[in-house]
Amino acid sequence: MSGSSIQPSVIQPELIEPLAASVRAHAVLRAERVHVASQARWYAVYTCANHERRVASQLLEREVEHFLPLYNSVRRWKDRRVNLELPLFPGYLFVRLALGDRLRVLQIPGVVRFVGFNSLPATLPDREMEILQAGLSQRLGVRPHPFLTVGRRVRIRSGPFLGLEGVLLRRKSNLRVVLSISLIQRSISVEVDGADLEGVLQV
């Protein structure tokens, strides 16, 4: 057996730049993922039935920013009427946190999952959530409505829901706009004045 030394493999010069580009691309992708995971965004959380308030209470204790929309409902019980505050989106509430902190929510009893696609939580637009919070805080005849996306689309151009788009409902002299959150397939209707609306060009 002849004593021959093993020569180290040599990367061809023409392969160096593609390899370097691939390494840079992976580094950028990793950096983007870290950035996304560290940024606080709004997410929808699906809960067990009738656990919305309990989950909200736990989120408050854990100092997690959250939003549980409620509405007033008058129910008749035996010989009297009872005024109740009920979840506007049954089975759902919203949290704002960095995605990397989602275990703080998932560990709460009553939380089923974050709403998303392909096992990844989907974000909700910050601006829309801000408008929704501000508008719902005024309790202006808001109530749940069956999920609706088809119809005459309008934009609210003044008032607490300024900037949101929805479907116009006209019942006698009463005007309402149905606002939908497609991510959770839920809608609400709000009272509006016709002067506060403008049509939306549909493509």
N, C-alpha and C. Protein backbone atom coordinates (compact mmCIF):
# COMPACT_ATOMS: atom_id res chain seq x y z
N MET A 1 0.86 -1.20 0.00
CA MET A 1 0.00 0.00 0.00
C MET A 1 0.89 1.24 0.00
N SER A 2 0.74 2.07 -1.00
CA SER A 2 1.59 3.25 -1.15
C SER A 2 1.14 4.33 -0.18
N GLY A 3 2.07 5.08 0.39
CA GLY A 3 1.72 6.16 1.32
C GLY A 3 1.39 7.43 0.59
N SER A 4 0.12 7.61 0.26
CA SER A 4 -0.32 8.82 -0.45
C SER A 4 -1.14 9.69 0.48
N SER A 5 -0.92 10.98 0.47
CA SER A 5 -1.68 11.91 1.33
C SER A 5 -3.02 12.24 0.70
N ILE A 6 -4.03 12.49 1.56
CA ILE A 6 -5.38 12.84 1.08
C ILE A 6 -5.43 14.34 0.85
N GLN A 7 -5.76 14.70 -0.36
CA GLN A 7 -5.83 16.11 -0.72
C GLN A 7 -7.18 16.69 -0.30
N PRO A 8 -7.17 17.85 0.35
CA PRO A 8 -8.46 18.46 0.71
C PRO A 8 -9.24 18.87 -0.52
N SER A 9 -10.58 18.74 -0.40
CA SER A 9 -11.43 19.13 -1.55
C SER A 9 -11.38 20.64 -1.72
N VAL A 10 -11.44 21.03 -2.94
CA VAL A 10 -11.36 22.45 -3.28
C VAL A 10 -12.67 22.88 -3.92
N ILE A 11 -13.28 23.96 -3.35
CA ILE A 11 -14.52 24.49 -3.93
C ILE A 11 -14.17 25.28 -5.17
N GLN A 12 -14.85 24.96 -6.24
CA GLN A 12 -14.61 25.66 -7.49
C GLN A 12 -14.97 27.14 -7.35
N PRO A 13 -14.15 28.02 -7.87
CA PRO A 13 -14.41 29.47 -7.74
C PRO A 13 -15.80 29.88 -8.19
N GLU A 14 -16.32 29.22 -9.28
CA GLU A 14 -17.63 29.62 -9.79
C GLU A 14 -18.77 29.25 -8.85
N LEU A 15 -18.50 28.40 -7.82
CA LEU A 15 -19.54 28.02 -6.87
C LEU A 15 -19.54 28.87 -5.60
N ILE A 16 -18.47 29.62 -5.41
CA ILE A 16 -18.33 30.37 -4.17
C ILE A 16 -19.42 31.43 -4.02
N GLU A 17 -19.66 32.24 -5.06
CA GLU A 17 -20.63 33.32 -4.98
C GLU A 17 -22.06 32.81 -4.77
N PRO A 18 -22.53 31.76 -5.51
CA PRO A 18 -23.87 31.24 -5.22
C PRO A 18 -24.02 30.73 -3.80
N LEU A 19 -22.97 30.08 -3.27
CA LEU A 19 -23.03 29.60 -1.89
C LEU A 19 -23.11 30.76 -0.91
N ALA A 20 -22.31 31.78 -1.16
CA ALA A 20 -22.32 32.95 -0.28
C ALA A 20 -23.67 33.64 -0.32
N ALA A 21 -24.27 33.72 -1.53
CA ALA A 21 -25.59 34.35 -1.67
C ALA A 21 -26.64 33.56 -0.90
N SER A 22 -26.54 32.24 -0.96
CA SER A 22 -27.50 31.39 -0.25
C SER A 22 -27.36 31.58 1.26
N VAL A 23 -26.12 31.66 1.76
CA VAL A 23 -25.89 31.87 3.18
C VAL A 23 -26.46 33.22 3.62
N ARG A 24 -26.24 34.26 2.78
CA ARG A 24 -26.76 35.59 3.12
C ARG A 24 -28.29 35.59 3.16
N ALA A 25 -28.91 34.89 2.19
CA ALA A 25 -30.37 34.83 2.13
C ALA A 25 -30.94 34.15 3.36
N HIS A 26 -30.31 33.06 3.81
CA HIS A 26 -30.78 32.36 5.00
C HIS A 26 -30.60 33.24 6.24
N ALA A 27 -29.51 33.99 6.28
CA ALA A 27 -29.28 34.88 7.42
C ALA A 27 -30.33 35.98 7.48
N VAL A 28 -30.69 36.53 6.32
CA VAL A 28 -31.73 37.56 6.26
C VAL A 28 -33.07 36.98 6.70
N LEU A 29 -33.39 35.76 6.24
CA LEU A 29 -34.65 35.12 6.59
C LEU A 29 -34.74 34.87 8.10
N ARG A 30 -33.62 34.41 8.68
CA ARG A 30 -33.61 34.18 10.12
C ARG A 30 -33.80 35.49 10.88
N ALA A 31 -33.15 36.54 10.40
CA ALA A 31 -33.27 37.85 11.05
C ALA A 31 -34.71 38.36 10.97
N GLU A 32 -35.36 38.14 9.81
CA GLU A 32 -36.75 38.58 9.65
C GLU A 32 -37.67 37.83 10.62
N ARG A 33 -37.43 36.51 10.76
CA ARG A 33 -38.26 35.71 11.66
C ARG A 33 -38.09 36.17 13.10
N VAL A 34 -36.87 36.48 13.49
CA VAL A 34 -36.61 36.96 14.84
C VAL A 34 -37.30 38.31 15.04
N HIS A 35 -37.26 39.18 14.01
CA HIS A 35 -37.88 40.49 14.11
C HIS A 35 -39.39 40.35 14.27
N VAL A 36 -40.01 39.48 13.45
CA VAL A 36 -41.46 39.28 13.52
C VAL A 36 -41.85 38.73 14.89
N ALA A 37 -41.07 37.76 15.39
CA ALA A 37 -41.39 37.13 16.67
C ALA A 37 -41.27 38.09 17.84
N SER A 38 -40.51 39.17 17.66
CA SER A 38 -40.29 40.11 18.77
C SER A 38 -41.19 41.34 18.70
N GLN A 39 -41.98 41.48 17.63
CA GLN A 39 -42.84 42.64 17.46
C GLN A 39 -44.24 42.35 18.00
N ALA A 40 -44.79 43.26 18.79
CA ALA A 40 -46.14 43.10 19.32
C ALA A 40 -47.16 43.37 18.22
N ARG A 41 -48.03 42.39 17.97
CA ARG A 41 -49.09 42.53 16.97
C ARG A 41 -50.39 41.96 17.55
N TRP A 42 -51.49 42.28 16.88
CA TRP A 42 -52.79 41.78 17.31
C TRP A 42 -53.06 40.40 16.71
N TYR A 43 -53.57 39.50 17.55
CA TYR A 43 -53.95 38.16 17.11
C TYR A 43 -55.32 37.80 17.68
N ALA A 44 -56.04 36.94 16.97
CA ALA A 44 -57.31 36.42 17.47
C ALA A 44 -57.05 35.10 18.18
N VAL A 45 -57.71 34.91 19.32
CA VAL A 45 -57.56 33.69 20.10
C VAL A 45 -58.92 33.01 20.21
N TYR A 46 -58.93 31.71 19.92
CA TYR A 46 -60.16 30.92 20.00
C TYR A 46 -60.22 30.25 21.37
N THR A 47 -61.36 30.38 22.05
CA THR A 47 -61.49 29.84 23.40
C THR A 47 -62.57 28.75 23.46
N CYS A 48 -62.56 28.01 24.55
CA CYS A 48 -63.66 27.08 24.80
C CYS A 48 -64.96 27.88 24.98
N ALA A 49 -66.08 27.23 24.73
CA ALA A 49 -67.37 27.91 24.84
C ALA A 49 -67.56 28.50 26.23
N ASN A 50 -68.00 29.76 26.27
CA ASN A 50 -68.31 30.47 27.51
C ASN A 50 -67.09 30.67 28.42
N HIS A 51 -65.89 30.63 27.85
CA HIS A 51 -64.68 30.86 28.64
C HIS A 51 -64.03 32.21 28.33
N GLU A 52 -64.69 33.04 27.54
CA GLU A 52 -64.06 34.29 27.12
C GLU A 52 -63.68 35.18 28.32
N ARG A 53 -64.59 35.33 29.27
CA ARG A 53 -64.33 36.21 30.42
C ARG A 53 -63.24 35.63 31.33
N ARG A 54 -63.26 34.31 31.52
CA ARG A 54 -62.23 33.69 32.36
C ARG A 54 -60.85 33.87 31.75
N VAL A 55 -60.78 33.68 30.43
CA VAL A 55 -59.49 33.86 29.75
C VAL A 55 -59.05 35.32 29.85
N ALA A 56 -59.98 36.25 29.66
CA ALA A 56 -59.64 37.67 29.76
C ALA A 56 -59.12 38.01 31.15
N SER A 57 -59.72 37.40 32.18
CA SER A 57 -59.27 37.64 33.55
C SER A 57 -57.83 37.13 33.74
N GLN A 58 -57.53 35.97 33.18
CA GLN A 58 -56.17 35.43 33.28
C GLN A 58 -55.17 36.28 32.50
N LEU A 59 -55.59 36.79 31.37
CA LEU A 59 -54.71 37.66 30.58
C LEU A 59 -54.39 38.93 31.36
N LEU A 60 -55.40 39.45 32.07
CA LEU A 60 -55.18 40.64 32.89
C LEU A 60 -54.15 40.35 33.99
N GLU A 61 -54.27 39.19 34.63
CA GLU A 61 -53.33 38.83 35.68
C GLU A 61 -51.91 38.67 35.13
N ARG A 62 -51.80 38.19 33.90
CA ARG A 62 -50.48 37.97 33.30
C ARG A 62 -49.97 39.21 32.58
N GLU A 63 -50.74 40.30 32.68
CA GLU A 63 -50.37 41.58 32.07
C GLU A 63 -50.17 41.46 30.56
N VAL A 64 -51.06 40.71 29.93
CA VAL A 64 -51.08 40.59 28.47
C VAL A 64 -52.16 41.52 27.93
N GLU A 65 -51.79 42.42 27.04
CA GLU A 65 -52.77 43.34 26.44
C GLU A 65 -53.81 42.52 25.68
N HIS A 66 -55.08 42.80 25.94
CA HIS A 66 -56.13 42.03 25.29
C HIS A 66 -57.37 42.89 25.10
N PHE A 67 -58.31 42.34 24.34
CA PHE A 67 -59.53 43.08 23.99
C PHE A 67 -60.66 42.06 23.85
N LEU A 68 -61.63 42.16 24.77
CA LEU A 68 -62.81 41.30 24.72
C LEU A 68 -64.03 42.19 24.46
N PRO A 69 -64.48 42.30 23.22
CA PRO A 69 -65.64 43.16 22.91
C PRO A 69 -66.91 42.59 23.52
N LEU A 70 -67.69 43.47 24.16
CA LEU A 70 -68.94 43.08 24.78
C LEU A 70 -70.07 43.95 24.25
N TYR A 71 -71.30 43.46 24.38
CA TYR A 71 -72.46 44.28 24.02
C TYR A 71 -73.58 44.02 25.03
N ASN A 72 -74.48 44.98 25.13
CA ASN A 72 -75.62 44.84 26.06
C ASN A 72 -76.77 44.10 25.39
N SER A 73 -77.31 43.13 26.11
CA SER A 73 -78.44 42.36 25.60
C SER A 73 -79.49 42.25 26.70
N VAL A 74 -80.72 42.58 26.38
CA VAL A 74 -81.82 42.48 27.35
C VAL A 74 -82.52 41.14 27.15
N ARG A 75 -82.52 40.32 28.18
CA ARG A 75 -83.16 39.00 28.14
C ARG A 75 -84.33 38.96 29.11
N ARG A 76 -85.39 38.29 28.71
CA ARG A 76 -86.55 38.14 29.58
C ARG A 76 -86.37 36.87 30.41
N TRP A 77 -86.47 36.99 31.73
CA TRP A 77 -86.29 35.86 32.62
C TRP A 77 -87.43 35.83 33.62
N LYS A 78 -88.28 34.80 33.46
CA LYS A 78 -89.48 34.67 34.29
C LYS A 78 -90.30 35.95 34.20
N ASP A 79 -90.41 36.67 35.31
CA ASP A 79 -91.30 37.84 35.33
C ASP A 79 -90.54 39.16 35.23
N ARG A 80 -89.28 39.11 34.83
CA ARG A 80 -88.51 40.36 34.74
C ARG A 80 -87.53 40.32 33.58
N ARG A 81 -87.04 41.50 33.26
CA ARG A 81 -86.05 41.62 32.19
C ARG A 81 -84.67 41.82 32.81
N VAL A 82 -83.69 41.15 32.23
CA VAL A 82 -82.33 41.20 32.75
C VAL A 82 -81.41 41.79 31.69
N ASN A 83 -80.60 42.74 32.09
CA ASN A 83 -79.63 43.36 31.18
C ASN A 83 -78.29 42.64 31.33
N LEU A 84 -77.82 42.03 30.27
CA LEU A 84 -76.59 41.25 30.31
C LEU A 84 -75.52 41.86 29.39
N GLU A 85 -74.27 41.65 29.76
CA GLU A 85 -73.15 41.98 28.88
C GLU A 85 -72.61 40.67 28.33
N LEU A 86 -72.67 40.52 27.01
CA LEU A 86 -72.27 39.27 26.36
C LEU A 86 -71.13 39.52 25.37
N PRO A 87 -70.32 38.49 25.10
CA PRO A 87 -69.24 38.63 24.11
C PRO A 87 -69.82 38.93 22.73
N LEU A 88 -69.28 39.93 22.09
CA LEU A 88 -69.74 40.31 20.76
C LEU A 88 -69.33 39.28 19.71
N PHE A 89 -68.19 38.62 19.96
CA PHE A 89 -67.72 37.56 19.06
C PHE A 89 -67.59 36.28 19.89
N PRO A 90 -68.68 35.54 20.10
CA PRO A 90 -68.62 34.37 20.98
C PRO A 90 -67.50 33.40 20.59
N GLY A 91 -66.71 33.02 21.60
CA GLY A 91 -65.62 32.08 21.36
C GLY A 91 -64.31 32.72 20.98
N TYR A 92 -64.28 34.06 20.90
CA TYR A 92 -63.06 34.73 20.47
C TYR A 92 -62.77 35.95 21.35
N LEU A 93 -61.49 36.23 21.49
CA LEU A 93 -61.03 37.52 22.00
C LEU A 93 -59.70 37.81 21.30
N PHE A 94 -59.17 39.00 21.56
CA PHE A 94 -57.98 39.43 20.84
C PHE A 94 -56.86 39.77 21.81
N VAL A 95 -55.64 39.44 21.42
CA VAL A 95 -54.48 39.76 22.26
C VAL A 95 -53.45 40.48 21.41
N ARG A 96 -52.68 41.34 22.07
CA ARG A 96 -51.59 42.04 21.38
C ARG A 96 -50.30 41.72 22.13
N LEU A 97 -49.43 40.99 21.45
CA LEU A 97 -48.16 40.59 22.06
C LEU A 97 -47.19 40.15 20.98
N ALA A 98 -45.94 39.97 21.36
CA ALA A 98 -44.94 39.44 20.43
C ALA A 98 -45.21 37.96 20.25
N LEU A 99 -45.11 37.47 19.03
CA LEU A 99 -45.43 36.09 18.74
C LEU A 99 -44.57 35.13 19.57
N GLY A 100 -43.37 35.56 19.88
CA GLY A 100 -42.50 34.72 20.69
C GLY A 100 -43.00 34.51 22.10
N ASP A 101 -43.99 35.33 22.53
CA ASP A 101 -44.55 35.21 23.88
C ASP A 101 -45.88 34.48 23.90
N ARG A 102 -46.24 33.82 22.80
CA ARG A 102 -47.58 33.25 22.71
C ARG A 102 -47.86 32.14 23.73
N LEU A 103 -46.83 31.51 24.28
CA LEU A 103 -47.06 30.49 25.31
C LEU A 103 -47.73 31.07 26.55
N ARG A 104 -47.52 32.37 26.80
CA ARG A 104 -48.17 33.02 27.94
C ARG A 104 -49.69 32.97 27.79
N VAL A 105 -50.16 32.89 26.55
CA VAL A 105 -51.59 32.80 26.28
C VAL A 105 -52.03 31.34 26.18
N LEU A 106 -51.27 30.53 25.45
CA LEU A 106 -51.66 29.15 25.21
C LEU A 106 -51.72 28.32 26.48
N GLN A 107 -51.00 28.73 27.51
CA GLN A 107 -50.99 27.98 28.77
C GLN A 107 -52.19 28.28 29.66
N ILE A 108 -53.02 29.23 29.25
CA ILE A 108 -54.19 29.60 30.06
C ILE A 108 -55.31 28.58 29.84
N PRO A 109 -55.88 28.01 30.90
CA PRO A 109 -57.01 27.09 30.74
C PRO A 109 -58.17 27.78 30.01
N GLY A 110 -58.72 27.09 29.04
CA GLY A 110 -59.82 27.66 28.27
C GLY A 110 -59.40 28.19 26.91
N VAL A 111 -58.10 28.39 26.70
CA VAL A 111 -57.60 28.81 25.39
C VAL A 111 -57.41 27.58 24.52
N VAL A 112 -57.97 27.61 23.33
CA VAL A 112 -57.83 26.48 22.40
C VAL A 112 -56.64 26.68 21.48
N ARG A 113 -56.59 27.83 20.82
CA ARG A 113 -55.50 28.08 19.87
C ARG A 113 -55.54 29.52 19.39
N PHE A 114 -54.44 29.93 18.77
CA PHE A 114 -54.42 31.18 18.02
C PHE A 114 -55.05 30.89 16.65
N VAL A 115 -55.76 31.87 16.11
CA VAL A 115 -56.37 31.71 14.79
C VAL A 115 -55.33 32.03 13.72
N GLY A 116 -55.21 31.15 12.74
CA GLY A 116 -54.23 31.39 11.69
C GLY A 116 -54.34 30.37 10.58
N PHE A 117 -53.27 30.23 9.85
CA PHE A 117 -53.24 29.32 8.71
C PHE A 117 -51.97 28.47 8.78
N ASN A 118 -52.11 27.19 8.41
CA ASN A 118 -50.96 26.28 8.40
C ASN A 118 -50.21 26.29 9.73
N SER A 119 -50.97 26.31 10.82
CA SER A 119 -50.43 26.28 12.18
C SER A 119 -49.69 27.54 12.57
N LEU A 120 -49.78 28.60 11.76
CA LEU A 120 -49.13 29.86 12.08
C LEU A 120 -50.19 30.92 12.42
N PRO A 121 -50.09 31.58 13.57
CA PRO A 121 -51.05 32.63 13.92
C PRO A 121 -51.04 33.75 12.89
N ALA A 122 -52.23 34.24 12.53
CA ALA A 122 -52.35 35.33 11.56
C ALA A 122 -52.55 36.65 12.29
N THR A 123 -51.88 37.69 11.82
CA THR A 123 -51.99 39.01 12.46
C THR A 123 -53.23 39.75 11.97
N LEU A 124 -53.71 40.66 12.81
CA LEU A 124 -54.81 41.55 12.46
C LEU A 124 -54.25 42.97 12.32
N PRO A 125 -54.79 43.76 11.38
CA PRO A 125 -54.26 45.12 11.17
C PRO A 125 -54.40 45.99 12.42
N ASP A 126 -53.30 46.60 12.83
CA ASP A 126 -53.31 47.45 14.03
C ASP A 126 -54.35 48.56 13.92
N ARG A 127 -54.40 49.23 12.77
CA ARG A 127 -55.30 50.36 12.60
C ARG A 127 -56.76 49.94 12.74
N GLU A 128 -57.14 48.82 12.14
CA GLU A 128 -58.52 48.35 12.24
C GLU A 128 -58.88 47.99 13.68
N MET A 129 -57.95 47.39 14.39
CA MET A 129 -58.22 47.02 15.77
C MET A 129 -58.37 48.27 16.64
N GLU A 130 -57.56 49.30 16.37
CA GLU A 130 -57.66 50.54 17.13
C GLU A 130 -59.02 51.20 16.91
N ILE A 131 -59.47 51.23 15.64
CA ILE A 131 -60.77 51.83 15.33
C ILE A 131 -61.89 51.04 15.99
N LEU A 132 -61.79 49.72 15.91
CA LEU A 132 -62.82 48.86 16.48
C LEU A 132 -62.91 49.06 18.00
N GLN A 133 -61.76 49.13 18.66
CA GLN A 133 -61.75 49.37 20.10
C GLN A 133 -62.39 50.71 20.45
N ALA A 134 -62.00 51.75 19.73
CA ALA A 134 -62.52 53.09 20.00
C ALA A 134 -64.02 53.15 19.75
N GLY A 135 -64.47 52.54 18.66
CA GLY A 135 -65.89 52.57 18.33
C GLY A 135 -66.75 51.78 19.30
N LEU A 136 -66.28 50.59 19.66
CA LEU A 136 -67.07 49.75 20.55
C LEU A 136 -67.12 50.30 21.97
N SER A 137 -66.14 51.12 22.33
CA SER A 137 -66.13 51.70 23.67
C SER A 137 -67.31 52.65 23.87
N GLN A 138 -67.92 53.11 22.76
CA GLN A 138 -69.03 54.05 22.87
C GLN A 138 -70.40 53.37 22.88
N ARG A 139 -70.41 52.06 22.65
CA ARG A 139 -71.65 51.27 22.74
C ARG A 139 -72.80 51.87 21.93
N LEU A 140 -72.54 52.19 20.68
CA LEU A 140 -73.55 52.85 19.86
C LEU A 140 -74.40 51.84 19.08
N GLY A 141 -75.28 51.14 19.79
CA GLY A 141 -76.18 50.21 19.13
C GLY A 141 -75.49 49.10 18.36
N VAL A 142 -74.40 48.60 18.89
CA VAL A 142 -73.66 47.52 18.23
C VAL A 142 -74.23 46.18 18.65
N ARG A 143 -74.37 45.27 17.70
CA ARG A 143 -74.84 43.93 18.04
C ARG A 143 -74.27 42.91 17.05
N PRO A 144 -74.25 41.63 17.44
CA PRO A 144 -73.74 40.60 16.53
C PRO A 144 -74.62 40.48 15.29
N HIS A 145 -74.02 39.98 14.22
CA HIS A 145 -74.75 39.79 12.97
C HIS A 145 -74.16 38.57 12.27
N PRO A 146 -74.99 37.79 11.57
CA PRO A 146 -74.43 36.66 10.82
C PRO A 146 -73.33 37.13 9.87
N PHE A 147 -72.30 36.31 9.71
CA PHE A 147 -71.16 36.69 8.88
C PHE A 147 -71.63 37.07 7.49
N LEU A 148 -71.21 38.27 7.04
CA LEU A 148 -71.68 38.81 5.78
C LEU A 148 -70.56 39.59 5.09
N THR A 149 -70.33 39.26 3.83
CA THR A 149 -69.34 40.01 3.06
C THR A 149 -69.88 40.46 1.70
N VAL A 150 -71.06 39.98 1.33
CA VAL A 150 -71.62 40.29 0.02
C VAL A 150 -72.73 41.33 0.18
N GLY A 151 -72.70 42.33 -0.69
CA GLY A 151 -73.71 43.37 -0.66
C GLY A 151 -73.11 44.71 -1.08
N ARG A 152 -73.87 45.76 -0.92
CA ARG A 152 -73.39 47.09 -1.27
C ARG A 152 -72.36 47.56 -0.25
N ARG A 153 -71.14 47.71 -0.69
CA ARG A 153 -70.06 48.07 0.22
C ARG A 153 -69.98 49.59 0.38
N VAL A 154 -69.76 50.00 1.63
CA VAL A 154 -69.65 51.42 1.95
C VAL A 154 -68.47 51.61 2.90
N ARG A 155 -68.02 52.85 2.98
CA ARG A 155 -66.96 53.22 3.92
C ARG A 155 -67.53 54.26 4.88
N ILE A 156 -67.24 54.09 6.16
CA ILE A 156 -67.68 55.06 7.16
C ILE A 156 -66.68 56.21 7.17
N ARG A 157 -67.14 57.42 6.90
CA ARG A 157 -66.23 58.54 6.73
C ARG A 157 -66.23 59.52 7.90
N SER A 158 -67.04 59.25 8.91
CA SER A 158 -67.00 60.07 10.13
C SER A 158 -67.60 59.26 11.27
N GLY A 159 -67.35 59.73 12.48
CA GLY A 159 -67.86 59.01 13.64
C GLY A 159 -66.83 58.05 14.22
N PRO A 160 -67.23 57.28 15.24
CA PRO A 160 -66.27 56.43 15.96
C PRO A 160 -65.67 55.31 15.12
N PHE A 161 -66.36 54.90 14.05
CA PHE A 161 -65.83 53.82 13.21
C PHE A 161 -65.22 54.34 11.91
N LEU A 162 -64.78 55.59 11.95
CA LEU A 162 -64.20 56.24 10.78
C LEU A 162 -63.13 55.37 10.12
N GLY A 163 -63.31 55.15 8.80
CA GLY A 163 -62.31 54.43 8.02
C GLY A 163 -62.62 52.97 7.76
N LEU A 164 -63.55 52.39 8.53
CA LEU A 164 -63.88 50.97 8.32
C LEU A 164 -64.85 50.81 7.16
N GLU A 165 -64.73 49.68 6.48
CA GLU A 165 -65.62 49.36 5.36
C GLU A 165 -66.51 48.19 5.74
N GLY A 166 -67.73 48.21 5.19
CA GLY A 166 -68.66 47.11 5.47
C GLY A 166 -69.77 47.07 4.45
N VAL A 167 -70.81 46.30 4.77
CA VAL A 167 -71.95 46.12 3.87
C VAL A 167 -73.14 46.87 4.44
N LEU A 168 -73.80 47.66 3.60
CA LEU A 168 -74.91 48.50 4.03
C LEU A 168 -76.19 47.68 4.18
N LEU A 169 -76.89 47.88 5.30
CA LEU A 169 -78.21 47.31 5.52
C LEU A 169 -79.21 48.45 5.68
N ARG A 170 -80.29 48.37 4.93
CA ARG A 170 -81.31 49.42 5.03
C ARG A 170 -82.62 48.77 5.44
N ARG A 171 -83.10 49.11 6.63
CA ARG A 171 -84.36 48.57 7.12
C ARG A 171 -85.28 49.72 7.48
N LYS A 172 -86.28 49.95 6.62
CA LYS A 172 -87.17 51.10 6.76
C LYS A 172 -86.33 52.38 6.80
N SER A 173 -86.41 53.13 7.87
CA SER A 173 -85.64 54.38 7.93
C SER A 173 -84.33 54.18 8.69
N ASN A 174 -84.04 52.94 9.08
CA ASN A 174 -82.86 52.66 9.88
C ASN A 174 -81.72 52.15 9.00
N LEU A 175 -80.53 52.73 9.17
CA LEU A 175 -79.36 52.30 8.42
C LEU A 175 -78.36 51.66 9.38
N ARG A 176 -77.83 50.54 8.96
CA ARG A 176 -76.77 49.87 9.71
C ARG A 176 -75.71 49.40 8.73
N VAL A 177 -74.49 49.30 9.24
CA VAL A 177 -73.39 48.77 8.43
C VAL A 177 -72.87 47.51 9.11
N VAL A 178 -72.73 46.46 8.31
CA VAL A 178 -72.20 45.20 8.82
C VAL A 178 -70.69 45.19 8.63
N LEU A 179 -69.96 45.13 9.73
CA LEU A 179 -68.51 45.09 9.71
C LEU A 179 -68.07 43.65 9.99
N SER A 180 -67.18 43.13 9.17
CA SER A 180 -66.79 41.72 9.28
C SER A 180 -65.30 41.57 9.54
N ILE A 181 -64.96 40.57 10.35
CA ILE A 181 -63.58 40.17 10.54
C ILE A 181 -63.43 38.81 9.88
N SER A 182 -62.89 38.80 8.68
CA SER A 182 -62.83 37.57 7.88
C SER A 182 -62.04 36.47 8.57
N LEU A 183 -61.01 36.84 9.32
CA LEU A 183 -60.14 35.86 9.95
C LEU A 183 -60.93 34.92 10.86
N ILE A 184 -61.94 35.44 11.57
CA ILE A 184 -62.71 34.61 12.49
C ILE A 184 -64.13 34.36 11.97
N GLN A 185 -64.42 34.83 10.75
CA GLN A 185 -65.74 34.61 10.14
C GLN A 185 -66.87 35.11 11.05
N ARG A 186 -66.70 36.33 11.56
CA ARG A 186 -67.70 36.94 12.43
C ARG A 186 -68.00 38.36 11.96
N SER A 187 -69.24 38.79 12.19
CA SER A 187 -69.66 40.14 11.81
C SER A 187 -70.43 40.80 12.94
N ILE A 188 -70.46 42.14 12.90
CA ILE A 188 -71.29 42.93 13.79
C ILE A 188 -72.00 43.98 12.95
N SER A 189 -73.10 44.51 13.47
CA SER A 189 -73.76 45.62 12.77
C SER A 189 -73.78 46.82 13.69
N VAL A 190 -73.59 48.00 13.09
CA VAL A 190 -73.56 49.25 13.85
C VAL A 190 -74.52 50.24 13.23
N GLU A 191 -75.14 51.05 14.08
CA GLU A 191 -76.04 52.09 13.60
C GLU A 191 -75.24 53.22 12.98
N VAL A 192 -75.71 53.73 11.84
CA VAL A 192 -75.01 54.82 11.17
C VAL A 192 -76.01 55.83 10.63
N ASP A 193 -75.48 56.99 10.32
CA ASP A 193 -76.24 58.03 9.63
C ASP A 193 -75.83 58.01 8.17
N GLY A 194 -76.78 58.14 7.27
CA GLY A 194 -76.46 58.09 5.85
C GLY A 194 -75.43 59.12 5.43
N ALA A 195 -75.40 60.26 6.12
CA ALA A 195 -74.43 61.31 5.79
C ALA A 195 -73.01 60.92 6.15
N ASP A 196 -72.85 59.87 6.96
CA ASP A 196 -71.52 59.45 7.38
C ASP A 196 -70.93 58.37 6.49
N LEU A 197 -71.63 58.06 5.37
CA LEU A 197 -71.19 56.96 4.52
C LEU A 197 -70.80 57.43 3.13
N GLU A 198 -69.93 56.67 2.52
CA GLU A 198 -69.59 56.88 1.10
C GLU A 198 -69.45 55.52 0.45
N GLY A 199 -69.81 55.45 -0.84
CA GLY A 199 -69.74 54.19 -1.55
C GLY A 199 -68.29 53.79 -1.79
N VAL A 200 -68.11 52.48 -1.93
CA VAL A 200 -66.79 51.92 -2.23
C VAL A 200 -66.84 51.30 -3.61
N LEU A 201 -65.92 51.70 -4.49
CA LEU A 201 -65.85 51.16 -5.82
C LEU A 201 -65.41 49.71 -5.76
N GLN A 202 -66.24 48.81 -6.27
CA GLN A 202 -65.92 47.39 -6.26
C GLN A 202 -65.31 46.97 -7.58
N VAL A 203 -64.18 46.30 -7.52
CA VAL A 203 -63.47 45.88 -8.73
C VAL A 203 -63.98 44.52 -9.17
